[in-house]
Amino acid sequence: MQQWLELLTTQIRHTTFWEWFAVLLGVAEVLLARKNKVWLYPAGIASSAITIFLLLKVGLYADSALNAYYVLMSIYGWVLWVYRKGQPPIQVAYATRKEWMVTLLIAFGGWGLIYLLLKNYTPSTVPVWDAWVSSSAWAGTWLLARRRIENWLVLNISNLFAIPLLFHKELPLFALLTAFLFIVAIFGYLEWRKIYKSTQAAKQVI
């Protein structure tokens, strides 16, 4: 235990300004998401843009691509949450069967595709692990953009695998951030369920 703490302390001492900045933006993003606030998206875009370059430096190619995907999905989610032509903003709800099928396709189909790309075209030392963290996070982010309650569950599957991977790659702040995200996601799931129930109750009254 002491050896692990010494390693963590050493890694944190060598953490750069940009790592701290990306982590702080990531914390802001998840707290805003928990509160169902659209400002999670600009915070997320900034955090992901910085993280792309940091992950490329340590050889986490799929995670870097994942953050590029985060940027694109954040733009998509931002538009979907705020403005849809001729329609009201999308509301918090449970995923439909069709959305679950898309989610599983993204998670498992993405895993296989990303693994093959990492294995054959990059010097990645953790292709299986890196691919799964990324593909499951892709799936969870897609559900988040559609404001589906289960996004928190899928994202936490990714978080569980990401924490040890980030420590392994000597990115302790990102690992601690991911552990924090895991905890917040639990509360986010419970809070979004309450939002959904209150919305349904209001509809019944009307």
Protein backbone atom coordinates (compact mmCIF):
# COMPACT_ATOMS: atom_id res chain seq x y z
CA MET A 1 0.00 0.00 0.00
CA GLN A 2 2.80 2.41 0.92
CA GLN A 3 4.60 1.66 -2.33
CA TRP A 4 1.40 2.39 -4.27
CA LEU A 5 0.94 5.72 -2.45
CA GLU A 6 4.55 6.69 -3.13
CA LEU A 7 4.07 5.93 -6.83
CA LEU A 8 0.87 7.98 -6.91
CA THR A 9 2.56 10.92 -5.13
CA THR A 10 5.49 10.82 -7.56
CA GLN A 11 3.16 10.74 -10.57
CA ILE A 12 1.07 13.64 -9.29
CA ARG A 13 4.20 15.73 -8.67
CA HIS A 14 5.07 15.36 -12.35
CA THR A 15 1.58 16.19 -13.55
CA THR A 16 1.56 19.06 -16.06
CA PHE A 17 -0.60 22.18 -16.05
CA TRP A 18 -2.56 20.92 -19.04
CA GLU A 19 -3.39 17.66 -17.26
CA TRP A 20 -4.71 19.62 -14.27
CA PHE A 21 -6.70 21.93 -16.55
CA ALA A 22 -8.25 19.05 -18.52
CA VAL A 23 -9.17 17.26 -15.30
CA LEU A 24 -10.82 20.35 -13.80
CA LEU A 25 -12.86 20.84 -16.95
CA GLY A 26 -13.79 17.15 -16.83
CA VAL A 27 -15.01 17.54 -13.24
CA ALA A 28 -17.09 20.55 -14.27
CA GLU A 29 -18.55 18.59 -17.18
CA VAL A 30 -19.76 15.64 -15.11
CA LEU A 31 -21.19 17.83 -12.35
CA LEU A 32 -23.12 19.82 -14.96
CA ALA A 33 -24.31 16.57 -16.57
CA ARG A 34 -25.55 15.29 -13.22
CA LYS A 35 -27.62 18.48 -12.86
CA ASN A 36 -28.93 18.05 -16.42
CA LYS A 37 -27.34 21.37 -17.49
CA VAL A 38 -26.50 21.95 -21.15
CA TRP A 39 -23.26 23.77 -20.19
CA LEU A 40 -21.71 20.33 -19.74
CA TYR A 41 -21.02 20.38 -23.48
CA PRO A 42 -18.66 23.39 -23.82
CA ALA A 43 -16.77 22.17 -20.74
CA GLY A 44 -16.55 18.69 -22.23
CA ILE A 45 -15.39 19.92 -25.62
CA ALA A 46 -12.53 21.90 -24.07
CA SER A 47 -11.53 19.02 -21.78
CA SER A 48 -11.57 16.47 -24.59
CA ALA A 49 -9.58 18.68 -26.98
CA ILE A 50 -6.74 18.96 -24.46
CA THR A 51 -6.93 15.29 -23.50
CA ILE A 52 -6.51 14.11 -27.11
CA PHE A 53 -2.92 15.37 -27.22
CA LEU A 54 -2.07 14.17 -23.71
CA LEU A 55 -3.21 10.61 -24.46
CA LEU A 56 -1.38 10.50 -27.79
CA LYS A 57 1.85 11.23 -25.91
CA VAL A 58 1.50 8.07 -23.78
CA GLY A 59 0.33 5.80 -26.59
CA LEU A 60 -3.36 5.46 -25.68
CA TYR A 61 -4.49 5.81 -29.27
CA ALA A 62 -8.03 4.52 -28.86
CA ASP A 63 -8.60 6.73 -25.84
CA SER A 64 -7.35 9.68 -27.86
CA ALA A 65 -9.74 8.81 -30.69
CA LEU A 66 -12.45 8.43 -28.05
CA ASN A 67 -11.92 12.03 -27.00
CA ALA A 68 -12.16 13.16 -30.61
CA TYR A 69 -15.47 11.29 -30.69
CA TYR A 70 -16.44 13.08 -27.46
CA VAL A 71 -15.92 16.41 -29.20
CA LEU A 72 -18.18 15.39 -32.10
CA MET A 73 -20.84 13.87 -29.82
CA SER A 74 -20.73 16.94 -27.59
CA ILE A 75 -21.56 19.14 -30.58
CA TYR A 76 -24.32 16.71 -31.57
CA GLY A 77 -25.67 16.56 -28.01
CA TRP A 78 -25.49 20.33 -27.58
CA VAL A 79 -27.64 20.83 -30.68
CA LEU A 80 -30.01 18.00 -29.71
CA TRP A 81 -30.52 19.33 -26.18
CA VAL A 82 -31.09 22.94 -27.21
CA TYR A 83 -32.54 23.05 -30.71
CA ARG A 84 -34.27 20.56 -32.98
CA LYS A 85 -36.10 21.94 -36.02
CA GLY A 86 -39.83 22.06 -35.35
CA GLN A 87 -39.48 20.06 -32.12
CA PRO A 88 -39.01 20.81 -28.43
CA PRO A 89 -35.67 20.00 -26.72
CA ILE A 90 -35.16 16.30 -26.06
CA GLN A 91 -36.20 15.17 -22.58
CA VAL A 92 -34.74 12.74 -20.03
CA ALA A 93 -36.14 9.25 -20.61
CA TYR A 94 -35.28 5.55 -20.64
CA ALA A 95 -33.70 4.11 -23.78
CA THR A 96 -35.96 2.34 -26.24
CA ARG A 97 -35.26 -1.17 -27.52
CA LYS A 98 -33.96 0.30 -30.78
CA GLU A 99 -31.62 2.61 -28.88
CA TRP A 100 -30.32 -0.33 -26.85
CA MET A 101 -29.57 -2.21 -30.07
CA VAL A 102 -27.58 0.77 -31.35
CA THR A 103 -25.81 1.03 -27.98
CA LEU A 104 -24.74 -2.64 -28.05
CA LEU A 105 -23.63 -2.34 -31.67
CA ILE A 106 -21.46 0.65 -30.81
CA ALA A 107 -19.98 -1.08 -27.74
CA PHE A 108 -19.20 -4.53 -29.16
CA GLY A 109 -18.83 -3.69 -32.84
CA GLY A 110 -16.64 -0.74 -31.92
CA TRP A 111 -14.55 -2.94 -29.62
CA GLY A 112 -13.70 -5.35 -32.43
CA LEU A 113 -13.00 -2.61 -34.95
CA ILE A 114 -10.86 -0.51 -32.61
CA TYR A 115 -8.91 -3.58 -31.47
CA LEU A 116 -8.05 -4.51 -35.05
CA LEU A 117 -6.93 -0.97 -35.81
CA LEU A 118 -4.78 -0.78 -32.68
CA LYS A 119 -3.30 -4.23 -33.20
CA ASN A 120 -2.41 -3.76 -36.84
CA TYR A 121 -1.68 -0.06 -37.23
CA THR A 122 -0.35 1.25 -33.90
CA PRO A 123 2.36 0.28 -31.39
CA SER A 124 -0.28 0.01 -28.63
CA THR A 125 0.73 -2.28 -25.74
CA VAL A 126 -2.85 -2.62 -24.44
CA PRO A 127 -5.06 -2.97 -27.56
CA VAL A 128 -7.82 -5.13 -26.02
CA TRP A 129 -8.17 -3.02 -22.89
CA ASP A 130 -7.84 0.33 -24.64
CA ALA A 131 -10.37 -0.70 -27.30
CA TRP A 132 -12.99 -1.80 -24.74
CA VAL A 133 -12.68 1.35 -22.61
CA SER A 134 -13.18 3.44 -25.72
CA SER A 135 -16.03 1.52 -27.35
CA SER A 136 -18.09 1.25 -24.15
CA ALA A 137 -17.56 4.96 -23.52
CA TRP A 138 -18.66 5.68 -27.10
CA ALA A 139 -21.89 3.82 -26.41
CA GLY A 140 -22.51 5.66 -23.14
CA THR A 141 -21.81 9.04 -24.71
CA TRP A 142 -24.32 8.33 -27.48
CA LEU A 143 -26.97 7.64 -24.83
CA LEU A 144 -26.00 10.83 -22.99
CA ALA A 145 -26.45 12.88 -26.16
CA ARG A 146 -29.94 11.41 -26.49
CA ARG A 147 -30.58 12.21 -22.80
CA ARG A 148 -31.18 8.57 -21.88
CA ILE A 149 -31.00 7.60 -18.22
CA GLU A 150 -28.96 4.44 -18.85
CA ASN A 151 -26.02 6.48 -20.15
CA TRP A 152 -24.73 6.57 -16.56
CA LEU A 153 -24.70 2.76 -16.32
CA VAL A 154 -22.90 2.24 -19.62
CA LEU A 155 -20.36 4.97 -18.90
CA ASN A 156 -19.58 3.35 -15.55
CA ILE A 157 -18.76 0.07 -17.27
CA SER A 158 -16.14 2.01 -19.21
CA ASN A 159 -14.95 3.79 -16.07
CA LEU A 160 -14.36 0.50 -14.23
CA PHE A 161 -11.88 -0.60 -16.89
CA ALA A 162 -10.40 2.85 -17.47
CA ILE A 163 -9.22 3.46 -13.88
CA PRO A 164 -6.55 0.71 -13.74
CA LEU A 165 -5.58 1.37 -17.37
CA LEU A 166 -4.82 5.03 -16.66
CA PHE A 167 -2.77 4.17 -13.57
CA HIS A 168 -0.89 1.62 -15.69
CA LYS A 169 -0.06 4.40 -18.18
CA GLU A 170 1.05 6.71 -15.33
CA LEU A 171 -1.76 9.22 -15.68
CA PRO A 172 -2.84 9.34 -12.02
CA LEU A 173 -4.92 12.50 -12.26
CA PHE A 174 -6.97 11.06 -15.08
CA ALA A 175 -7.36 7.82 -13.13
CA LEU A 176 -8.56 9.73 -10.05
CA LEU A 177 -10.86 11.82 -12.24
CA THR A 178 -12.34 8.63 -13.66
CA ALA A 179 -12.88 7.26 -10.15
CA PHE A 180 -14.63 10.51 -9.29
CA LEU A 181 -16.74 10.22 -12.46
CA PHE A 182 -17.71 6.70 -11.43
CA ILE A 183 -19.09 7.97 -8.11
CA VAL A 184 -20.84 10.96 -9.68
CA ALA A 185 -22.39 8.70 -12.34
CA ILE A 186 -24.13 6.70 -9.61
CA PHE A 187 -25.73 9.88 -8.28
CA GLY A 188 -26.40 11.08 -11.82
CA TYR A 189 -28.35 7.92 -12.56
CA LEU A 190 -30.47 8.34 -9.42
CA GLU A 191 -31.02 12.04 -10.10
CA TRP A 192 -32.07 11.52 -13.72
CA ARG A 193 -34.55 8.85 -12.58
CA LYS A 194 -36.09 11.44 -10.26
CA ILE A 195 -36.25 13.98 -13.10
CA TYR A 196 -38.00 11.42 -15.30
CA LYS A 197 -40.51 10.47 -12.58
CA SER A 198 -41.32 14.11 -11.84
CA THR A 199 -41.81 14.81 -15.57
CA GLN A 200 -44.16 11.83 -15.90
CA ALA A 201 -46.09 12.91 -12.79
CA ALA A 202 -46.50 16.43 -14.22
CA LYS A 203 -47.84 15.00 -17.49
CA GLN A 204 -50.43 12.94 -15.61
CA VAL A 205 -51.62 16.02 -13.71
CA ILE A 206 -52.04 17.92 -17.00
